[in-house]
Amino acid sequence: MLAVVSLAACGNDEVAEPIKANTALDLTGVKAEYCDYAIGEIDLFVTETEKFAEAVKTGDSKLAKTLYALARMHDEREEPIAEKYSAI
């Protein structure tokens, strides 16, 4: 009985519509947003690096260690896109 119920749908004569492939996607807006994000990260990297450099110059190693991590975070965020797009 279970086999009959399980296979009942197999006798369906309906034909499914083929899936249509997407044509080109418009990524202009997304690309611009990501570019703005990367540029923002570069700006923050520069700002945080300047703070880090000042801490090193004044001999505040504890502060410099903290600031290094903050600056490095912004560098890591922008690095994947900056390597690919020289316009940034």
N, C-alpha and C. Protein backbone atom coordinates (compact mmCIF):
# COMPACT_ATOMS: atom_id res chain seq x y z
N MET A 1 0.82 -1.19 0.00
CA MET A 1 0.00 0.00 0.00
C MET A 1 0.87 1.26 0.00
N LEU A 2 1.93 1.27 0.84
CA LEU A 2 2.81 2.43 0.91
C LEU A 2 3.48 2.68 -0.43
N ALA A 3 3.90 1.62 -1.13
CA ALA A 3 4.54 1.77 -2.43
C ALA A 3 3.60 2.38 -3.44
N VAL A 4 2.34 2.02 -3.40
CA VAL A 4 1.36 2.57 -4.34
C VAL A 4 1.16 4.06 -4.08
N VAL A 5 1.08 4.45 -2.83
CA VAL A 5 0.90 5.86 -2.48
C VAL A 5 2.15 6.65 -2.85
N SER A 6 3.32 6.08 -2.61
CA SER A 6 4.57 6.77 -2.89
C SER A 6 4.77 7.02 -4.37
N LEU A 7 4.32 6.10 -5.20
CA LEU A 7 4.54 6.22 -6.64
C LEU A 7 3.37 6.86 -7.38
N ALA A 8 2.35 7.24 -6.67
CA ALA A 8 1.17 7.81 -7.32
C ALA A 8 1.52 9.07 -8.11
N ALA A 9 2.42 9.88 -7.64
CA ALA A 9 2.79 11.11 -8.33
C ALA A 9 3.62 10.85 -9.57
N CYS A 10 4.22 9.68 -9.68
CA CYS A 10 5.05 9.37 -10.84
C CYS A 10 4.23 9.25 -12.12
N GLY A 11 2.94 9.04 -12.00
CA GLY A 11 2.10 8.91 -13.18
C GLY A 11 1.62 10.25 -13.70
N ASN A 12 2.09 11.33 -13.17
CA ASN A 12 1.68 12.67 -13.57
C ASN A 12 2.20 12.96 -14.97
N ASP A 13 1.33 13.38 -15.87
CA ASP A 13 1.71 13.65 -17.25
C ASP A 13 2.10 15.11 -17.50
N GLU A 14 2.04 15.95 -16.48
CA GLU A 14 2.39 17.35 -16.67
C GLU A 14 3.88 17.49 -16.98
N VAL A 15 4.18 18.43 -17.87
CA VAL A 15 5.57 18.70 -18.23
C VAL A 15 5.98 20.01 -17.55
N ALA A 16 7.08 19.97 -16.84
CA ALA A 16 7.56 21.16 -16.15
C ALA A 16 8.17 22.12 -17.15
N GLU A 17 8.01 23.41 -16.88
CA GLU A 17 8.62 24.43 -17.73
C GLU A 17 10.12 24.42 -17.50
N PRO A 18 10.91 24.54 -18.57
CA PRO A 18 12.37 24.58 -18.37
C PRO A 18 12.76 25.85 -17.62
N ILE A 19 13.79 25.75 -16.84
CA ILE A 19 14.31 26.90 -16.11
C ILE A 19 15.05 27.79 -17.10
N LYS A 20 14.71 29.05 -17.11
CA LYS A 20 15.36 29.99 -18.01
C LYS A 20 16.63 30.52 -17.36
N ALA A 21 17.70 30.52 -18.13
CA ALA A 21 18.97 31.03 -17.62
C ALA A 21 18.90 32.55 -17.49
N ASN A 22 19.47 33.06 -16.45
CA ASN A 22 19.54 34.51 -16.28
C ASN A 22 20.50 35.09 -17.31
N THR A 23 20.12 36.20 -17.85
CA THR A 23 21.04 36.90 -18.73
C THR A 23 21.97 37.73 -17.85
N ALA A 24 22.69 38.62 -18.42
CA ALA A 24 23.68 39.41 -17.68
C ALA A 24 23.03 40.15 -16.51
N LEU A 25 23.69 40.11 -15.39
CA LEU A 25 23.21 40.82 -14.21
C LEU A 25 23.79 42.22 -14.18
N ASP A 26 23.00 43.16 -13.75
CA ASP A 26 23.49 44.53 -13.61
C ASP A 26 24.05 44.70 -12.20
N LEU A 27 25.36 44.71 -12.10
CA LEU A 27 26.03 44.82 -10.80
C LEU A 27 26.61 46.21 -10.56
N THR A 28 26.20 47.16 -11.37
CA THR A 28 26.75 48.51 -11.27
C THR A 28 26.60 49.09 -9.87
N GLY A 29 25.41 49.01 -9.31
CA GLY A 29 25.17 49.56 -7.98
C GLY A 29 25.96 48.86 -6.90
N VAL A 30 25.99 47.53 -6.98
CA VAL A 30 26.72 46.74 -5.99
C VAL A 30 28.22 47.03 -6.08
N LYS A 31 28.72 47.14 -7.30
CA LYS A 31 30.14 47.43 -7.50
C LYS A 31 30.50 48.79 -6.90
N ALA A 32 29.64 49.78 -7.12
CA ALA A 32 29.89 51.12 -6.58
C ALA A 32 29.86 51.11 -5.06
N GLU A 33 28.91 50.38 -4.48
CA GLU A 33 28.82 50.29 -3.02
C GLU A 33 30.07 49.62 -2.44
N TYR A 34 30.53 48.56 -3.09
CA TYR A 34 31.70 47.85 -2.58
C TYR A 34 32.95 48.70 -2.74
N CYS A 35 33.02 49.45 -3.82
CA CYS A 35 34.15 50.35 -4.03
C CYS A 35 34.17 51.42 -2.94
N ASP A 36 33.00 51.98 -2.62
CA ASP A 36 32.91 52.97 -1.54
C ASP A 36 33.35 52.35 -0.21
N TYR A 37 32.93 51.11 0.03
CA TYR A 37 33.31 50.40 1.25
C TYR A 37 34.83 50.26 1.33
N ALA A 38 35.44 49.82 0.22
CA ALA A 38 36.89 49.60 0.20
C ALA A 38 37.64 50.92 0.41
N ILE A 39 37.19 51.97 -0.24
CA ILE A 39 37.83 53.28 -0.07
C ILE A 39 37.69 53.75 1.37
N GLY A 40 36.55 53.52 1.97
CA GLY A 40 36.35 53.87 3.38
C GLY A 40 37.31 53.12 4.28
N GLU A 41 37.53 51.83 3.98
CA GLU A 41 38.47 51.03 4.77
C GLU A 41 39.90 51.53 4.58
N ILE A 42 40.24 51.95 3.37
CA ILE A 42 41.58 52.49 3.12
C ILE A 42 41.77 53.78 3.91
N ASP A 43 40.75 54.64 3.91
CA ASP A 43 40.83 55.89 4.68
C ASP A 43 41.02 55.60 6.17
N LEU A 44 40.26 54.63 6.69
CA LEU A 44 40.39 54.26 8.10
C LEU A 44 41.76 53.65 8.39
N PHE A 45 42.27 52.88 7.43
CA PHE A 45 43.60 52.30 7.59
C PHE A 45 44.66 53.39 7.74
N VAL A 46 44.57 54.40 6.89
CA VAL A 46 45.52 55.52 6.95
C VAL A 46 45.40 56.25 8.29
N THR A 47 44.18 56.54 8.69
CA THR A 47 43.95 57.25 9.96
C THR A 47 44.50 56.46 11.15
N GLU A 48 44.17 55.18 11.20
CA GLU A 48 44.62 54.34 12.32
C GLU A 48 46.14 54.12 12.29
N THR A 49 46.71 54.05 11.09
CA THR A 49 48.16 53.89 10.97
C THR A 49 48.89 55.13 11.48
N GLU A 50 48.33 56.30 11.21
CA GLU A 50 48.93 57.54 11.71
C GLU A 50 48.92 57.56 13.24
N LYS A 51 47.82 57.11 13.84
CA LYS A 51 47.74 57.03 15.31
C LYS A 51 48.77 56.04 15.84
N PHE A 52 48.88 54.90 15.16
CA PHE A 52 49.85 53.88 15.55
C PHE A 52 51.28 54.44 15.49
N ALA A 53 51.60 55.11 14.39
CA ALA A 53 52.94 55.67 14.21
C ALA A 53 53.26 56.69 15.30
N GLU A 54 52.29 57.49 15.66
CA GLU A 54 52.50 58.49 16.72
C GLU A 54 52.77 57.80 18.06
N ALA A 55 52.04 56.72 18.34
CA ALA A 55 52.28 55.98 19.59
C ALA A 55 53.68 55.37 19.61
N VAL A 56 54.13 54.88 18.46
CA VAL A 56 55.49 54.32 18.37
C VAL A 56 56.52 55.43 18.61
N LYS A 57 56.31 56.58 17.97
CA LYS A 57 57.24 57.70 18.11
C LYS A 57 57.35 58.19 19.56
N THR A 58 56.24 58.16 20.28
CA THR A 58 56.26 58.63 21.67
C THR A 58 56.68 57.54 22.65
N GLY A 59 56.90 56.34 22.14
CA GLY A 59 57.37 55.25 22.99
C GLY A 59 56.29 54.54 23.79
N ASP A 60 55.03 54.76 23.44
CA ASP A 60 53.92 54.12 24.15
C ASP A 60 53.63 52.77 23.50
N SER A 61 54.40 51.77 23.90
CA SER A 61 54.30 50.45 23.25
C SER A 61 52.96 49.76 23.52
N LYS A 62 52.39 49.97 24.69
CA LYS A 62 51.10 49.34 25.00
C LYS A 62 50.01 49.88 24.07
N LEU A 63 49.97 51.20 23.91
CA LEU A 63 49.01 51.82 23.00
C LEU A 63 49.30 51.41 21.56
N ALA A 64 50.57 51.37 21.19
CA ALA A 64 50.96 51.00 19.82
C ALA A 64 50.48 49.59 19.48
N LYS A 65 50.59 48.67 20.42
CA LYS A 65 50.11 47.30 20.18
C LYS A 65 48.61 47.27 19.92
N THR A 66 47.87 48.04 20.67
CA THR A 66 46.42 48.11 20.48
C THR A 66 46.09 48.74 19.13
N LEU A 67 46.75 49.84 18.82
CA LEU A 67 46.47 50.56 17.57
C LEU A 67 46.90 49.77 16.34
N TYR A 68 47.95 48.98 16.47
CA TYR A 68 48.39 48.15 15.35
C TYR A 68 47.28 47.20 14.92
N ALA A 69 46.65 46.56 15.89
CA ALA A 69 45.58 45.62 15.58
C ALA A 69 44.41 46.31 14.88
N LEU A 70 44.08 47.51 15.34
CA LEU A 70 42.98 48.26 14.72
C LEU A 70 43.32 48.66 13.28
N ALA A 71 44.53 49.13 13.07
CA ALA A 71 44.95 49.52 11.72
C ALA A 71 45.00 48.31 10.80
N ARG A 72 45.54 47.23 11.29
CA ARG A 72 45.67 46.01 10.48
C ARG A 72 44.31 45.48 10.05
N MET A 73 43.31 45.60 10.90
CA MET A 73 41.96 45.13 10.58
C MET A 73 41.45 45.82 9.31
N HIS A 74 41.65 47.12 9.21
CA HIS A 74 41.18 47.86 8.03
C HIS A 74 42.00 47.48 6.79
N ASP A 75 43.27 47.23 6.96
CA ASP A 75 44.11 46.79 5.85
C ASP A 75 43.63 45.44 5.32
N GLU A 76 43.31 44.52 6.21
CA GLU A 76 42.84 43.20 5.80
C GLU A 76 41.50 43.28 5.08
N ARG A 77 40.66 44.21 5.47
CA ARG A 77 39.34 44.36 4.84
C ARG A 77 39.43 44.89 3.42
N GLU A 78 40.34 45.79 3.16
CA GLU A 78 40.43 46.38 1.82
C GLU A 78 41.35 45.62 0.89
N GLU A 79 42.20 44.80 1.43
CA GLU A 79 43.23 44.13 0.63
C GLU A 79 42.69 43.30 -0.54
N PRO A 80 41.65 42.49 -0.37
CA PRO A 80 41.20 41.66 -1.50
C PRO A 80 40.77 42.46 -2.72
N ILE A 81 40.14 43.60 -2.52
CA ILE A 81 39.68 44.38 -3.67
C ILE A 81 40.77 45.33 -4.16
N ALA A 82 41.58 45.87 -3.28
CA ALA A 82 42.62 46.81 -3.70
C ALA A 82 43.64 46.15 -4.61
N GLU A 83 43.89 44.87 -4.41
CA GLU A 83 44.83 44.14 -5.27
C GLU A 83 44.31 44.01 -6.69
N LYS A 84 43.00 43.98 -6.85
CA LYS A 84 42.40 43.73 -8.16
C LYS A 84 42.07 45.00 -8.94
N TYR A 85 41.84 46.10 -8.24
CA TYR A 85 41.41 47.32 -8.90
C TYR A 85 42.37 48.46 -8.59
N SER A 86 43.18 48.78 -9.55
CA SER A 86 44.17 49.84 -9.33
C SER A 86 43.52 51.22 -9.23
N ALA A 87 42.27 51.35 -9.68
CA ALA A 87 41.59 52.64 -9.61
C ALA A 87 41.33 53.08 -8.19
N ILE A 88 41.31 52.13 -7.26
CA ILE A 88 41.07 52.45 -5.86
C ILE A 88 42.33 53.02 -5.29
